[in-house]
Amino acid sequence: MSLARPEGAPGEHFAELGISSGVLQRVMNAALSRGGDDCDLFFQHTQSTSLALTDKKVNQANTHVDLGMGVRVVVGDQVGYAYSEDLREEALVAAARAAAEIARATPGRVAAAPRGRHLVDRSPVRVPWPSVGMNDRVEMVRAWEQSAFARDARVKRVDAYLQDAASVVMVVRPDGRLYQDYRPMTLGMVRCTAQSGEVTDSSGHNIAARAGMEFYDEAKQALLVREAVDRTLFLLDAGKPPAGDMPVVLAAGPSAILLHEAIGHGMEADFNRKRTSIYADKLGAQIASDQVTIVDDGTIENSRGAVNVDDEGNLGQRTVLVEDGVLRSYIHDEISARHYGVKPTGSGRRQSFRHPPLPRMRATLMMSGPHQPEEVIASVDRGLYCVSFQNGQVNIGAGDFSFYMRHGYLIENGKLTRPVKDVNIIGNGPEALSRIDMVANDMKLDDGGWTCGKAGQSVAVSQGMPTVRVASLTVGVMG
């Protein structure tokens, strides 16, 4: 069965697999048979392909198809969950009854007949991945490899990787909501190892989007290779900065990983509902400079975090979390929204039909401020300019974090001077947020292949920020 974008009415893709409106109603009735407060059905049909080149040879090329349904029954803030990889009606009903065991064995209720609803398409595709042959993928990825080698003789090894997927999901609710959503995804990566004298180092770059093969136009492919090679060569000449507390300037774009991890997770409403987040009692409070506005946005076309509809059947939206320094909202799924007496923010997300939804980030952005980027750098007499990060550890409750900066520069007398690498940036998320005292006007959405992990689940996200100055963070030198 084709996984090109379905052209029929909402629900038709799964109707062709035997999932009629009557089947959906009977499965939901089974889920609600013991008196659950609510339920949802999440169907998913995915075809994904991955291709890798190493040592000038294709060492991985495979396609995987996944199909199944997850059913969630909610009682208060408790969840019963089951899934089935068998789409026969009896298997779906059995899964629904298993999820319903969490309920109180009170009289159940009857679900409304599902009615398909149309969605705004934030992931338009011109060349769908199911129509792309493996030879076409190999030709493109091999060109990345060859271009990287040709760019500089110091490049001794290149790993190139392409991953793509096309997924059709269907979310069905007892009130009659039925949404069918087409979700493309792709990620391209080039990683290089370079050598100069006795110094050898490795780095790379990746780009990602909810798009088809048209995403990889000539300019995108050139950027991918150029950034991978240049980031690697940068490390050959980079040294270590002095350690200690100092002003830190975060570059626009990739530095937003710190925003996502150190601040964004603390604004997810389940952590606040359980009072494990340091922001649990901060709604309406001034938590940052009035230059700071942070949003979580599911509406950015083709972004990795784009959400037409979330995995609970709520439409994607743009949610203002911090406005002019004041905490205005958390990131809500339906359970937390009921707890706080607000509407869901379209942020209920799950890794697959095997997992229940949780409040998750989509595209977490700090918006532009009043300053020029050059003005921010010029304001620092002695400090650190962070270009990109890898890895990090965050304590959601306390807000403490440690991030590994891979690429950066020393700032001396208001100018970028020596390239530096392999640095730990240590601080506390809320304190770092409160210490942001300059925000530039160059907000950049990073198009890297960011993936967020939480409660054993991984989902695709985006992030972005402008150039900002944090008055003081601890810089620790590796090695």
Protein backbone atom coordinates (compact mmCIF):
# COMPACT_ATOMS: atom_id res chain seq x y z
CA MET A 1 0.00 0.00 0.00
CA SER A 2 1.39 3.39 -1.02
CA LEU A 3 2.58 5.83 1.62
CA ALA A 4 2.41 8.84 -0.66
CA ARG A 5 0.25 11.64 0.71
CA PRO A 6 -3.35 10.33 0.87
CA GLU A 7 -5.67 12.18 -1.50
CA GLY A 8 -9.02 10.96 -0.15
CA ALA A 9 -11.19 11.96 2.77
CA PRO A 10 -9.69 11.95 6.31
CA GLY A 11 -9.49 8.36 7.50
CA GLU A 12 -9.54 6.82 4.04
CA HIS A 13 -5.97 5.52 4.25
CA PHE A 14 -6.82 3.32 7.23
CA ALA A 15 -10.27 2.48 5.84
CA GLU A 16 -8.41 0.73 3.03
CA LEU A 17 -6.77 -1.37 5.76
CA GLY A 18 -10.16 -2.39 7.13
CA ILE A 19 -10.57 0.32 9.79
CA SER A 20 -14.11 1.53 9.17
CA SER A 21 -16.06 4.10 11.16
CA GLY A 22 -17.95 1.25 12.81
CA VAL A 23 -14.72 -0.45 13.89
CA LEU A 24 -13.44 2.80 15.39
CA GLN A 25 -16.64 3.33 17.35
CA ARG A 26 -16.63 -0.23 18.71
CA VAL A 27 -12.98 0.03 19.78
CA MET A 28 -13.63 3.33 21.58
CA ASN A 29 -16.70 1.89 23.27
CA ALA A 30 -14.54 -0.98 24.55
CA ALA A 31 -11.98 1.56 25.82
CA LEU A 32 -14.73 3.43 27.71
CA SER A 33 -16.60 0.32 28.85
CA ARG A 34 -15.36 0.51 32.46
CA GLY A 35 -16.09 4.18 32.92
CA GLY A 36 -12.90 5.95 31.82
CA ASP A 37 -13.05 9.73 31.67
CA ASP A 38 -11.64 9.87 28.15
CA CYS A 39 -9.76 7.86 25.53
CA ASP A 40 -7.99 8.24 22.22
CA LEU A 41 -6.95 5.94 19.40
CA PHE A 42 -3.70 6.58 17.54
CA PHE A 43 -3.07 4.71 14.28
CA GLN A 44 0.28 4.92 12.52
CA HIS A 45 1.61 3.58 9.21
CA THR A 46 5.24 4.47 8.48
CA GLN A 47 7.83 3.64 5.84
CA SER A 48 11.37 4.73 6.71
CA THR A 49 14.64 4.33 4.82
CA SER A 50 18.22 4.85 5.95
CA LEU A 51 21.41 4.89 3.92
CA ALA A 52 25.00 5.25 5.14
CA LEU A 53 28.37 5.52 3.37
CA THR A 54 31.63 4.88 5.23
CA ASP A 55 35.12 4.38 3.79
CA LYS A 56 33.68 5.08 0.32
CA LYS A 57 31.33 2.11 0.56
CA VAL A 58 27.61 1.77 1.21
CA ASN A 59 27.52 -0.05 4.54
CA GLN A 60 23.83 0.43 5.34
CA ALA A 61 20.74 0.56 3.14
CA ASN A 62 17.42 -0.57 4.50
CA THR A 63 13.71 0.18 4.46
CA HIS A 64 11.38 -0.51 7.38
CA VAL A 65 7.57 -0.51 7.49
CA ASP A 66 5.72 -0.09 10.79
CA LEU A 67 1.97 -0.33 11.35
CA GLY A 68 -0.20 -0.38 14.44
CA MET A 69 -2.57 1.33 16.86
CA GLY A 70 -2.23 2.62 20.42
CA VAL A 71 -5.19 3.16 22.73
CA ARG A 72 -5.11 5.36 25.82
CA VAL A 73 -7.73 5.45 28.56
CA VAL A 74 -7.59 8.38 31.00
CA VAL A 75 -8.98 8.39 34.54
CA GLY A 76 -8.18 11.69 36.26
CA ASP A 77 -4.46 12.06 35.74
CA GLN A 78 -3.87 8.30 35.45
CA VAL A 79 -3.35 6.55 32.13
CA GLY A 80 -4.03 3.02 30.93
CA TYR A 81 -2.25 2.23 27.67
CA ALA A 82 -2.06 -0.68 25.26
CA TYR A 83 -1.13 -1.12 21.62
CA SER A 84 -1.56 -3.64 18.84
CA GLU A 85 0.45 -4.36 15.70
CA ASP A 86 -2.52 -6.40 14.48
CA LEU A 87 -5.27 -4.27 12.94
CA ARG A 88 -7.98 -6.92 12.98
CA GLU A 89 -10.99 -5.69 14.92
CA GLU A 90 -10.76 -8.34 17.63
CA ALA A 91 -7.12 -7.41 18.33
CA LEU A 92 -7.94 -3.69 18.55
CA VAL A 93 -10.87 -4.33 20.90
CA ALA A 94 -8.65 -6.54 23.09
CA ALA A 95 -6.08 -3.74 23.35
CA ALA A 96 -8.84 -1.25 24.23
CA ARG A 97 -10.16 -3.50 26.98
CA ALA A 98 -6.65 -3.93 28.38
CA ALA A 99 -6.19 -0.14 28.54
CA ALA A 100 -9.64 0.19 30.13
CA GLU A 101 -8.59 -1.90 33.15
CA ILE A 102 -7.33 1.28 34.81
CA ALA A 103 -10.92 2.55 35.10
CA ARG A 104 -13.27 2.16 38.05
CA ALA A 105 -15.68 -0.43 36.60
CA THR A 106 -18.48 2.14 36.63
CA PRO A 107 -21.00 2.34 33.79
CA GLY A 108 -19.31 3.22 30.54
CA ARG A 109 -20.36 5.67 27.86
CA VAL A 110 -20.77 5.45 24.11
CA ALA A 111 -18.44 7.23 21.71
CA ALA A 112 -19.80 9.43 18.94
CA ALA A 113 -19.47 8.34 15.34
CA PRO A 114 -16.10 9.59 14.00
CA ARG A 115 -16.22 12.47 11.53
CA GLY A 116 -13.12 13.31 9.53
CA ARG A 117 -11.80 16.85 9.75
CA HIS A 118 -9.33 18.52 7.41
CA LEU A 119 -6.02 20.02 8.50
CA VAL A 120 -3.79 22.90 7.51
CA ASP A 121 -0.75 21.34 5.81
CA ARG A 122 2.50 22.65 7.32
CA SER A 123 4.63 19.95 5.67
CA PRO A 124 4.06 20.32 1.92
CA VAL A 125 5.92 17.77 -0.20
CA ARG A 126 6.75 17.91 -3.90
CA VAL A 127 8.84 14.72 -4.18
CA PRO A 128 7.53 12.16 -1.65
CA TRP A 129 10.09 9.73 -0.30
CA PRO A 130 8.19 6.56 -1.30
CA SER A 131 8.64 7.65 -4.95
CA VAL A 132 12.45 7.99 -4.63
CA GLY A 133 14.55 5.01 -5.71
CA MET A 134 17.45 3.72 -3.63
CA ASN A 135 19.87 4.45 -6.49
CA ASP A 136 18.84 8.11 -6.40
CA ARG A 137 19.54 8.23 -2.67
CA VAL A 138 22.95 6.56 -3.11
CA GLU A 139 23.91 8.97 -5.90
CA MET A 140 23.09 12.01 -3.77
CA VAL A 141 24.87 10.78 -0.63
CA ARG A 142 27.94 9.67 -2.58
CA ALA A 143 28.15 13.18 -4.05
CA TRP A 144 28.25 14.59 -0.50
CA GLU A 145 31.14 12.28 0.34
CA GLN A 146 33.12 13.13 -2.79
CA SER A 147 32.53 16.85 -2.36
CA ALA A 148 33.81 16.72 1.22
CA PHE A 149 37.01 14.97 0.18
CA ALA A 150 37.52 17.46 -2.65
CA ARG A 151 37.09 20.47 -0.38
CA ASP A 152 40.37 20.02 1.56
CA ALA A 153 43.23 17.53 1.40
CA ARG A 154 43.34 17.35 5.20
CA VAL A 155 40.01 15.48 5.18
CA LYS A 156 40.96 11.81 5.57
CA ARG A 157 37.60 10.16 6.18
CA VAL A 158 33.97 10.99 5.42
CA ASP A 159 30.81 9.37 6.75
CA ALA A 160 27.60 10.37 4.95
CA TYR A 161 24.11 9.45 6.05
CA LEU A 162 20.54 9.96 4.81
CA GLN A 163 17.38 9.08 6.68
CA ASP A 164 13.86 9.67 5.45
CA ALA A 165 10.34 8.64 6.35
CA ALA A 166 6.73 9.02 5.28
CA SER A 167 4.08 8.42 7.91
CA VAL A 168 0.29 8.51 7.92
CA VAL A 169 -1.29 8.84 11.36
CA MET A 170 -4.92 8.96 12.45
CA VAL A 171 -6.14 10.28 15.80
CA VAL A 172 -9.70 9.47 16.86
CA ARG A 173 -11.55 10.82 19.91
CA PRO A 174 -14.89 9.88 21.56
CA ASP A 175 -16.39 13.29 20.72
CA GLY A 176 -16.24 12.42 17.02
CA ARG A 177 -12.92 14.06 16.13
CA LEU A 178 -10.99 12.18 13.47
CA TYR A 179 -7.81 13.63 12.01
CA GLN A 180 -5.61 11.95 9.44
CA ASP A 181 -2.17 13.53 9.11
CA TYR A 182 0.63 12.97 6.61
CA ARG A 183 4.04 13.41 8.24
CA PRO A 184 7.20 13.40 6.11
CA MET A 185 10.67 13.63 7.63
CA THR A 186 14.26 13.63 6.46
CA LEU A 187 17.75 14.10 7.87
CA GLY A 188 21.04 14.35 6.00
CA MET A 189 24.42 14.21 7.76
CA VAL A 190 28.07 14.48 6.80
CA ARG A 191 30.81 13.74 9.33
CA CYS A 192 34.51 14.26 8.60
CA THR A 193 37.81 13.30 10.16
CA ALA A 194 40.72 15.60 9.33
CA GLN A 195 44.42 15.55 10.11
CA SER A 196 47.09 18.23 10.21
CA GLY A 197 50.49 17.11 11.42
CA GLU A 198 49.92 15.15 14.62
CA VAL A 199 46.48 16.66 15.27
CA THR A 200 43.43 14.63 14.25
CA ASP A 201 39.83 15.61 14.99
CA SER A 202 36.29 14.91 13.82
CA SER A 203 33.10 16.88 13.46
CA GLY A 204 30.16 17.19 11.15
CA HIS A 205 26.91 18.86 10.26
CA ASN A 206 23.34 17.78 9.62
CA ILE A 207 20.18 19.31 8.23
CA ALA A 208 16.61 18.11 8.64
CA ALA A 209 13.02 19.00 7.79
CA ARG A 210 9.50 17.70 7.39
CA ALA A 211 9.82 17.59 3.61
CA GLY A 212 10.42 15.38 0.61
CA MET A 213 13.54 14.99 -1.49
CA GLU A 214 13.06 18.53 -2.86
CA PHE A 215 14.48 19.75 0.47
CA TYR A 216 17.96 18.84 -0.78
CA ASP A 217 18.34 21.54 -3.38
CA GLU A 218 21.79 22.49 -4.61
CA ALA A 219 22.28 25.21 -2.00
CA LYS A 220 21.25 22.96 0.91
CA GLN A 221 23.61 20.19 -0.18
CA ALA A 222 26.50 22.62 -0.61
CA LEU A 223 25.85 24.07 2.85
CA LEU A 224 25.73 20.61 4.42
CA VAL A 225 29.14 19.64 3.03
CA ARG A 226 30.76 23.03 3.60
CA GLU A 227 29.69 23.22 7.24
CA ALA A 228 30.79 19.63 7.93
CA VAL A 229 34.26 20.22 6.51
CA ASP A 230 34.75 23.71 7.93
CA ARG A 231 33.66 22.67 11.44
CA THR A 232 36.15 19.83 11.33
CA LEU A 233 39.05 21.95 10.10
CA PHE A 234 38.20 24.56 12.75
CA LEU A 235 39.03 22.02 15.45
CA LEU A 236 42.55 21.42 14.11
CA ASP A 237 43.58 24.94 15.14
CA ALA A 238 41.37 25.40 18.19
CA GLY A 239 42.73 25.52 21.73
CA LYS A 240 41.37 25.86 25.24
CA PRO A 241 40.07 29.07 26.84
CA PRO A 242 40.81 30.11 30.42
CA ALA A 243 38.46 28.58 32.97
CA GLY A 244 36.23 30.38 35.46
CA ASP A 245 33.12 32.50 35.67
CA MET A 246 32.77 34.92 32.76
CA PRO A 247 30.27 36.49 30.35
CA VAL A 248 29.15 34.03 27.68
CA VAL A 249 27.69 35.01 24.32
CA LEU A 250 25.51 32.35 22.69
CA ALA A 251 25.52 32.46 18.89
CA ALA A 252 22.26 32.62 16.99
CA GLY A 253 20.82 29.25 15.94
CA PRO A 254 22.50 26.07 17.25
CA SER A 255 23.11 27.50 20.74
CA ALA A 256 19.36 27.08 21.28
CA ILE A 257 20.06 23.53 22.49
CA LEU A 258 20.82 25.21 25.81
CA LEU A 259 17.45 27.01 25.65
CA HIS A 260 15.68 23.74 24.89
CA GLU A 261 17.31 21.65 27.58
CA ALA A 262 18.02 24.05 30.42
CA ILE A 263 14.82 26.08 30.16
CA GLY A 264 12.29 24.45 27.83
CA HIS A 265 11.92 21.15 29.68
CA GLY A 266 11.20 22.99 32.90
CA MET A 267 8.20 24.59 31.18
CA GLU A 268 6.58 21.29 30.20
CA ALA A 269 3.43 21.14 32.27
CA ASP A 270 3.71 17.59 33.61
CA PHE A 271 6.88 18.55 35.50
CA ASN A 272 5.04 21.56 36.92
CA ARG A 273 1.85 19.66 37.72
CA LYS A 274 3.98 17.20 39.71
CA ARG A 275 5.92 20.16 41.16
CA THR A 276 9.28 18.76 40.07
CA SER A 277 10.09 21.81 37.92
CA ILE A 278 11.68 24.90 39.37
CA TYR A 279 9.04 26.91 37.44
CA ALA A 280 6.10 25.23 39.26
CA ASP A 281 5.19 28.37 41.24
CA LYS A 282 6.38 30.97 38.72
CA LEU A 283 3.33 31.54 36.48
CA GLY A 284 2.84 35.28 36.12
CA ALA A 285 6.24 36.02 37.66
CA GLN A 286 9.11 37.97 36.10
CA ILE A 287 11.73 35.31 35.40
CA ALA A 288 13.91 37.13 32.86
CA SER A 289 14.80 40.51 31.42
CA ASP A 290 12.04 42.28 29.51
CA GLN A 291 14.15 41.63 26.40
CA VAL A 292 13.34 37.91 26.64
CA THR A 293 10.33 36.37 24.89
CA ILE A 294 10.20 32.60 24.40
CA VAL A 295 7.65 30.71 22.32
CA ASP A 296 7.03 27.07 21.50
CA ASP A 297 5.75 27.01 17.94
CA GLY A 298 4.26 24.09 16.02
CA THR A 299 3.24 26.20 13.01
CA ILE A 300 6.58 26.79 11.21
CA GLU A 301 6.24 25.27 7.75
CA ASN A 302 8.48 22.25 7.04
CA SER A 303 10.32 22.61 10.35
CA ARG A 304 11.23 19.42 12.16
CA GLY A 305 8.97 20.47 15.03
CA ALA A 306 5.97 21.37 12.82
CA VAL A 307 2.64 19.96 14.06
CA ASN A 308 -0.53 20.02 11.93
CA VAL A 309 -2.34 18.21 14.73
CA ASP A 310 -0.80 16.79 17.87
CA ASP A 311 -1.02 13.15 18.92
CA GLU A 312 -4.12 13.78 21.03
CA GLY A 313 -6.13 15.38 18.23
CA ASN A 314 -5.52 19.06 19.09
CA LEU A 315 -4.48 21.47 16.36
CA GLY A 316 -0.91 22.75 16.30
CA GLN A 317 -0.40 26.30 17.47
CA ARG A 318 2.10 28.90 18.60
CA THR A 319 2.33 29.13 22.40
CA VAL A 320 3.92 32.11 24.17
CA LEU A 321 5.76 30.76 27.21
CA VAL A 322 7.65 33.87 28.35
CA GLU A 323 6.53 37.34 27.27
CA ASP A 324 8.81 40.30 27.99
CA GLY A 325 10.39 38.26 30.77
CA VAL A 326 7.09 37.11 32.38
CA LEU A 327 6.17 33.40 32.48
CA ARG A 328 2.77 33.23 30.74
CA SER A 329 2.14 29.54 30.00
CA TYR A 330 3.40 26.02 30.30
CA ILE A 331 3.51 23.46 27.48
CA HIS A 332 0.29 21.47 27.94
CA ASP A 333 -1.18 18.14 26.94
CA GLU A 334 -4.82 17.40 27.78
CA ILE A 335 -4.15 15.99 31.26
CA SER A 336 -2.16 18.99 32.43
CA ALA A 337 -4.56 21.41 30.74
CA ARG A 338 -7.47 19.96 32.72
CA HIS A 339 -5.40 20.22 35.91
CA TYR A 340 -4.69 23.92 35.31
CA GLY A 341 -8.11 24.76 33.87
CA VAL A 342 -6.71 25.91 30.52
CA LYS A 343 -6.86 24.72 26.92
CA PRO A 344 -4.26 22.25 25.58
CA THR A 345 -1.48 23.91 23.59
CA GLY A 346 -1.34 21.25 20.86
CA SER A 347 1.74 19.76 22.52
CA GLY A 348 0.65 16.18 23.28
CA ARG A 349 3.27 14.15 21.42
CA ARG A 350 4.44 10.54 21.34
CA GLN A 351 7.27 8.59 19.71
CA SER A 352 4.94 6.09 18.05
CA PHE A 353 1.71 4.16 18.51
CA ARG A 354 3.56 2.12 21.15
CA HIS A 355 3.74 5.12 23.50
CA PRO A 356 1.22 7.39 25.29
CA PRO A 357 1.39 11.14 24.59
CA LEU A 358 3.19 13.57 26.91
CA PRO A 359 3.54 17.37 26.88
CA ARG A 360 6.53 17.94 24.62
CA MET A 361 8.27 20.85 22.92
CA ARG A 362 7.87 21.43 19.17
CA ALA A 363 10.01 24.38 18.02
CA THR A 364 11.29 26.29 21.04
CA LEU A 365 12.46 29.78 20.14
CA MET A 366 13.74 32.89 21.86
CA MET A 367 12.57 35.84 19.80
CA SER A 368 14.72 38.72 18.59
CA GLY A 369 15.56 41.61 20.90
CA PRO A 370 16.71 45.22 20.42
CA HIS A 371 20.49 44.85 19.93
CA GLN A 372 22.79 44.24 16.97
CA PRO A 373 24.84 40.99 17.18
CA GLU A 374 28.06 42.97 16.82
CA GLU A 375 26.98 45.19 19.71
CA VAL A 376 26.54 42.15 21.95
CA ILE A 377 30.03 40.83 21.20
CA ALA A 378 31.59 44.28 21.52
CA SER A 379 30.13 44.62 25.04
CA VAL A 380 32.35 41.80 26.40
CA ASP A 381 35.91 42.58 27.51
CA ARG A 382 36.83 38.98 28.31
CA GLY A 383 34.51 36.07 27.74
CA LEU A 384 33.44 33.18 25.55
CA TYR A 385 31.47 33.04 22.28
CA CYS A 386 29.69 29.69 21.88
CA VAL A 387 28.93 28.53 18.35
CA SER A 388 27.74 24.94 18.78
CA PHE A 389 27.10 22.43 21.54
CA GLN A 390 27.11 18.66 21.85
CA ASN A 391 25.63 16.63 24.67
CA GLY A 392 24.37 18.00 27.94
CA GLN A 393 22.96 17.05 31.30
CA VAL A 394 20.07 18.85 32.99
CA ASN A 395 18.40 18.37 36.35
CA ILE A 396 14.80 19.41 35.65
CA GLY A 397 13.96 19.91 39.34
CA ALA A 398 16.93 22.05 40.33
CA GLY A 399 17.58 23.46 36.85
CA ASP A 400 21.33 22.75 37.01
CA PHE A 401 22.98 22.01 33.66
CA SER A 402 26.29 21.13 32.08
CA PHE A 403 26.80 21.42 28.31
CA TYR A 404 29.73 20.46 26.12
CA MET A 405 30.70 23.24 23.72
CA ARG A 406 32.43 21.92 20.61
CA HIS A 407 33.10 25.15 18.67
CA GLY A 408 33.64 28.66 19.95
CA TYR A 409 35.89 31.69 20.22
CA LEU A 410 37.51 33.66 22.98
CA ILE A 411 36.23 37.23 23.22
CA GLU A 412 38.93 39.77 24.08
CA ASN A 413 38.33 43.52 24.18
CA GLY A 414 35.04 43.13 22.34
CA LYS A 415 36.40 41.05 19.46
CA LEU A 416 36.40 37.36 18.53
CA THR A 417 40.00 36.14 18.76
CA ARG A 418 41.27 32.58 19.31
CA PRO A 419 39.17 29.56 18.25
CA VAL A 420 38.45 27.27 21.21
CA LYS A 421 36.91 23.82 21.64
CA ASP A 422 36.01 21.12 24.16
CA VAL A 423 34.60 23.31 26.90
CA ASN A 424 32.00 22.59 29.58
CA ILE A 425 29.45 25.34 30.18
CA ILE A 426 28.00 24.96 33.67
CA GLY A 427 25.10 26.82 35.23
CA ASN A 428 21.50 26.83 36.37
CA GLY A 429 18.68 27.26 33.85
CA PRO A 430 16.53 29.80 35.71
CA GLU A 431 19.61 31.71 36.86
CA ALA A 432 21.03 31.75 33.33
CA LEU A 433 17.68 32.98 32.01
CA SER A 434 17.66 35.79 34.58
CA ARG A 435 21.23 36.73 33.64
CA ILE A 436 20.48 37.27 29.94
CA ASP A 437 21.06 41.00 29.69
CA MET A 438 21.44 41.56 25.93
CA VAL A 439 19.32 40.00 23.16
CA ALA A 440 20.16 40.65 19.52
CA ASN A 441 17.81 41.04 16.56
CA ASP A 442 19.08 38.05 14.57
CA MET A 443 16.86 35.14 15.69
CA LYS A 444 17.75 32.05 13.66
CA LEU A 445 15.83 28.79 13.46
CA ASP A 446 18.38 26.00 13.38
CA ASP A 447 17.61 23.34 10.76
CA GLY A 448 19.59 20.55 12.42
CA GLY A 449 18.18 17.11 13.13
CA TRP A 450 17.36 17.70 16.79
CA THR A 451 15.68 14.89 18.71
CA CYS A 452 14.32 15.28 22.23
CA GLY A 453 14.30 12.44 24.75
CA LYS A 454 11.88 12.21 27.65
CA ALA A 455 10.44 9.30 29.65
CA GLY A 456 12.01 6.80 27.27
CA GLN A 457 10.49 8.45 24.18
CA SER A 458 12.19 10.41 21.39
CA VAL A 459 10.44 13.01 19.21
CA ALA A 460 11.67 15.38 16.51
CA VAL A 461 12.00 19.03 17.57
CA SER A 462 13.31 22.34 16.31
CA GLN A 463 14.87 25.23 18.17
CA GLY A 464 16.24 28.67 17.55
CA MET A 465 17.46 31.85 19.19
CA PRO A 466 19.22 35.14 18.48
CA THR A 467 22.67 36.11 19.69
CA VAL A 468 22.39 36.68 23.46
CA ARG A 469 24.73 37.63 26.28
CA VAL A 470 24.57 35.82 29.60
CA ALA A 471 26.26 38.00 32.21
CA SER A 472 28.01 35.07 33.88
CA LEU A 473 28.34 31.29 33.43
CA THR A 474 31.01 28.88 34.59
CA VAL A 475 33.47 27.79 31.89
CA GLY A 476 35.23 24.51 32.59
CA VAL A 477 38.07 23.32 30.39
CA MET A 478 38.10 19.66 29.31
CA GLY A 479 41.24 17.61 29.74
